[in-house]
């Protein structure tokens, strides 16, 4: 086995654990109406928020209130139709950081969804 192949296997194992931690945290922490992808590769989970919850507004509040960051989904589209999406990266934080960050984010999403429903 080459060094390259060994490095690929180590990366797959590491990122697989982090992906699994993120999927588990999302299932435990996100309110009803939130859905997400189940990636088989890559370093990201794509999340669809409840209608009325804007990913860019969520980012601003997540950074200010919960010290959590991500990329709003509309950064990847030329139209506003996907404003209620976000992209989460699991490559850098460890499993404990992922669980904590997603728990914080889930609480904030629930608060924003309630605000949007009341508006």
C-alpha atoms as a PDB file:
ATOM      1  CA  UNK A   1       0.000   0.000   0.000  1.00  0.00           C
ATOM      2  CA  UNK A   2       1.378   3.380  -0.969  1.00  0.00           C
ATOM      3  CA  UNK A   3       1.561   6.382   1.317  1.00  0.00           C
ATOM      4  CA  UNK A   4      -1.112   8.021  -0.822  1.00  0.00           C
ATOM      5  CA  UNK A   5      -3.510   5.084  -0.434  1.00  0.00           C
ATOM      6  CA  UNK A   6      -2.871   4.992   3.310  1.00  0.00           C
ATOM      7  CA  UNK A   7      -3.583   8.718   3.569  1.00  0.00           C
ATOM      8  CA  UNK A   8      -6.818   8.323   1.604  1.00  0.00           C
ATOM      9  CA  UNK A   9      -7.960   5.536   3.938  1.00  0.00           C
ATOM     10  CA  UNK A  10      -7.140   7.636   7.036  1.00  0.00           C
ATOM     11  CA  UNK A  11      -9.027  10.622   5.603  1.00  0.00           C
ATOM     12  CA  UNK A  12     -12.054   8.487   4.717  1.00  0.00           C
ATOM     13  CA  UNK A  13     -12.161   7.056   8.241  1.00  0.00           C
ATOM     14  CA  UNK A  14     -11.767  10.474   9.901  1.00  0.00           C
ATOM     15  CA  UNK A  15     -14.298  12.294   7.736  1.00  0.00           C
ATOM     16  CA  UNK A  16     -16.709   9.364   7.877  1.00  0.00           C
ATOM     17  CA  UNK A  17     -16.766   9.626  11.685  1.00  0.00           C
ATOM     18  CA  UNK A  18     -17.313  13.377  11.495  1.00  0.00           C
ATOM     19  CA  UNK A  19     -20.075  12.999   8.902  1.00  0.00           C
ATOM     20  CA  UNK A  20     -21.780  10.417  11.087  1.00  0.00           C
ATOM     21  CA  UNK A  21     -21.457  12.723  14.117  1.00  0.00           C
ATOM     22  CA  UNK A  22     -23.067  15.561  12.171  1.00  0.00           C
ATOM     23  CA  UNK A  23     -25.949  13.409  10.912  1.00  0.00           C
ATOM     24  CA  UNK A  24     -26.566  12.126  14.455  1.00  0.00           C
ATOM     25  CA  UNK A  25     -26.466  15.682  15.850  1.00  0.00           C
ATOM     26  CA  UNK A  26     -28.850  16.966  13.178  1.00  0.00           C
ATOM     27  CA  UNK A  27     -31.331  14.188  13.973  1.00  0.00           C
ATOM     28  CA  UNK A  28     -31.095  14.984  17.684  1.00  0.00           C
ATOM     29  CA  UNK A  29     -31.153  18.784  17.489  1.00  0.00           C
ATOM     30  CA  UNK A  30     -33.062  20.077  14.488  1.00  0.00           C
ATOM     31  CA  UNK A  31     -36.732  20.979  14.821  1.00  0.00           C
ATOM     32  CA  UNK A  32     -39.495  19.587  12.637  1.00  0.00           C
ATOM     33  CA  UNK A  33     -39.465  20.908   9.098  1.00  0.00           C
ATOM     34  CA  UNK A  34     -35.670  20.731   8.676  1.00  0.00           C
ATOM     35  CA  UNK A  35     -34.255  18.178   6.225  1.00  0.00           C
ATOM     36  CA  UNK A  36     -30.706  17.339   5.139  1.00  0.00           C
ATOM     37  CA  UNK A  37     -28.706  15.204   2.759  1.00  0.00           C
ATOM     38  CA  UNK A  38     -27.049  11.917   3.724  1.00  0.00           C
ATOM     39  CA  UNK A  39     -23.722  12.353   1.893  1.00  0.00           C
ATOM     40  CA  UNK A  40     -21.775   9.298   0.765  1.00  0.00           C
ATOM     41  CA  UNK A  41     -18.742  11.432  -0.047  1.00  0.00           C
ATOM     42  CA  UNK A  42     -17.453  14.966   0.195  1.00  0.00           C
ATOM     43  CA  UNK A  43     -17.217  17.176   3.268  1.00  0.00           C
ATOM     44  CA  UNK A  44     -20.614  18.868   3.424  1.00  0.00           C
ATOM     45  CA  UNK A  45     -24.204  18.312   4.514  1.00  0.00           C
ATOM     46  CA  UNK A  46     -26.833  20.344   2.640  1.00  0.00           C
ATOM     47  CA  UNK A  47     -29.660  21.475   4.948  1.00  0.00           C
ATOM     48  CA  UNK A  48     -33.098  22.751   3.947  1.00  0.00           C
ATOM     49  CA  UNK A  49     -34.667  24.960   6.610  1.00  0.00           C
ATOM     50  CA  UNK A  50     -38.373  25.577   7.195  1.00  0.00           C
ATOM     51  CA  UNK A  51     -39.999  27.965   4.724  1.00  0.00           C
ATOM     52  CA  UNK A  52     -39.484  31.526   5.929  1.00  0.00           C
ATOM     53  CA  UNK A  53     -36.130  30.855   7.598  1.00  0.00           C
ATOM     54  CA  UNK A  54     -33.446  32.610   5.533  1.00  0.00           C
ATOM     55  CA  UNK A  55     -29.988  31.003   5.647  1.00  0.00           C
ATOM     56  CA  UNK A  56     -28.202  34.375   5.478  1.00  0.00           C
ATOM     57  CA  UNK A  57     -30.241  35.769   8.382  1.00  0.00           C
ATOM     58  CA  UNK A  58     -29.615  32.523  10.262  1.00  0.00           C
ATOM     59  CA  UNK A  59     -25.861  32.903   9.666  1.00  0.00           C
ATOM     60  CA  UNK A  60     -25.792  36.452  11.037  1.00  0.00           C
ATOM     61  CA  UNK A  61     -27.623  35.385  14.166  1.00  0.00           C
ATOM     62  CA  UNK A  62     -25.728  32.092  14.500  1.00  0.00           C
ATOM     63  CA  UNK A  63     -22.386  33.905  14.536  1.00  0.00           C
ATOM     64  CA  UNK A  64     -23.598  36.646  16.902  1.00  0.00           C
ATOM     65  CA  UNK A  65     -25.691  34.539  19.273  1.00  0.00           C
ATOM     66  CA  UNK A  66     -24.287  31.013  19.107  1.00  0.00           C
ATOM     67  CA  UNK A  67     -20.742  31.373  17.708  1.00  0.00           C
ATOM     68  CA  UNK A  68     -21.546  28.913  14.899  1.00  0.00           C
ATOM     69  CA  UNK A  69     -20.733  29.537  11.220  1.00  0.00           C
ATOM     70  CA  UNK A  70     -21.689  27.925   7.897  1.00  0.00           C
ATOM     71  CA  UNK A  71     -22.337  28.986   4.300  1.00  0.00           C
ATOM     72  CA  UNK A  72     -25.856  30.171   3.404  1.00  0.00           C
ATOM     73  CA  UNK A  73     -27.241  28.140   0.525  1.00  0.00           C
ATOM     74  CA  UNK A  74     -28.154  31.123  -1.606  1.00  0.00           C
ATOM     75  CA  UNK A  75     -24.423  31.755  -2.124  1.00  0.00           C
ATOM     76  CA  UNK A  76     -24.613  28.802  -4.554  1.00  0.00           C
ATOM     77  CA  UNK A  77     -27.623  29.998  -6.566  1.00  0.00           C
ATOM     78  CA  UNK A  78     -28.400  32.929  -8.844  1.00  0.00           C
ATOM     79  CA  UNK A  79     -32.026  33.003  -7.649  1.00  0.00           C
ATOM     80  CA  UNK A  80     -33.623  33.605  -4.254  1.00  0.00           C
ATOM     81  CA  UNK A  81     -35.612  30.362  -4.363  1.00  0.00           C
ATOM     82  CA  UNK A  82     -33.065  28.525  -2.204  1.00  0.00           C
ATOM     83  CA  UNK A  83     -32.736  31.159   0.521  1.00  0.00           C
ATOM     84  CA  UNK A  84     -33.870  28.627   3.141  1.00  0.00           C
ATOM     85  CA  UNK A  85     -30.828  26.387   2.680  1.00  0.00           C
ATOM     86  CA  UNK A  86     -27.393  26.157   4.306  1.00  0.00           C
ATOM     87  CA  UNK A  87     -24.227  24.120   3.728  1.00  0.00           C
ATOM     88  CA  UNK A  88     -22.534  22.614   6.783  1.00  0.00           C
ATOM     89  CA  UNK A  89     -18.891  21.488   6.686  1.00  0.00           C
ATOM     90  CA  UNK A  90     -17.757  18.607   8.896  1.00  0.00           C
ATOM     91  CA  UNK A  91     -14.082  18.462   7.882  1.00  0.00           C
ATOM     92  CA  UNK A  92     -12.581  20.744  10.527  1.00  0.00           C
ATOM     93  CA  UNK A  93     -14.479  20.375  13.835  1.00  0.00           C
ATOM     94  CA  UNK A  94     -14.121  17.209  15.880  1.00  0.00           C
ATOM     95  CA  UNK A  95     -17.122  15.096  16.908  1.00  0.00           C
ATOM     96  CA  UNK A  96     -17.686  16.972  20.204  1.00  0.00           C
ATOM     97  CA  UNK A  97     -17.528  20.355  18.469  1.00  0.00           C
ATOM     98  CA  UNK A  98     -19.953  19.123  15.821  1.00  0.00           C
ATOM     99  CA  UNK A  99     -22.456  17.953  18.453  1.00  0.00           C
ATOM    100  CA  UNK A 100     -22.200  21.245  20.364  1.00  0.00           C
ATOM    101  CA  UNK A 101     -22.417  23.435  17.275  1.00  0.00           C
ATOM    102  CA  UNK A 102     -25.395  21.595  15.816  1.00  0.00           C
ATOM    103  CA  UNK A 103     -27.192  21.699  19.180  1.00  0.00           C
ATOM    104  CA  UNK A 104     -26.707  25.475  19.308  1.00  0.00           C
ATOM    105  CA  UNK A 105     -27.773  25.850  15.685  1.00  0.00           C
ATOM    106  CA  UNK A 106     -30.836  23.652  16.173  1.00  0.00           C
ATOM    107  CA  UNK A 107     -32.066  25.829  19.025  1.00  0.00           C
ATOM    108  CA  UNK A 108     -31.620  28.953  16.945  1.00  0.00           C
ATOM    109  CA  UNK A 109     -33.390  27.399  13.930  1.00  0.00           C
ATOM    110  CA  UNK A 110     -36.322  26.522  16.188  1.00  0.00           C
ATOM    111  CA  UNK A 111     -36.480  30.125  17.453  1.00  0.00           C
ATOM    112  CA  UNK A 112     -36.311  31.573  13.918  1.00  0.00           C
ATOM    113  CA  UNK A 113     -38.926  29.128  12.606  1.00  0.00           C
ATOM    114  CA  UNK A 114     -41.258  30.184  15.434  1.00  0.00           C
ATOM    115  CA  UNK A 115     -40.632  33.860  14.620  1.00  0.00           C
ATOM    116  CA  UNK A 116     -41.314  33.239  10.903  1.00  0.00           C
ATOM    117  CA  UNK A 117     -44.524  31.337  11.701  1.00  0.00           C
ATOM    118  CA  UNK A 118     -45.721  34.153  13.957  1.00  0.00           C
ATOM    119  CA  UNK A 119     -45.004  36.862  11.361  1.00  0.00           C
END
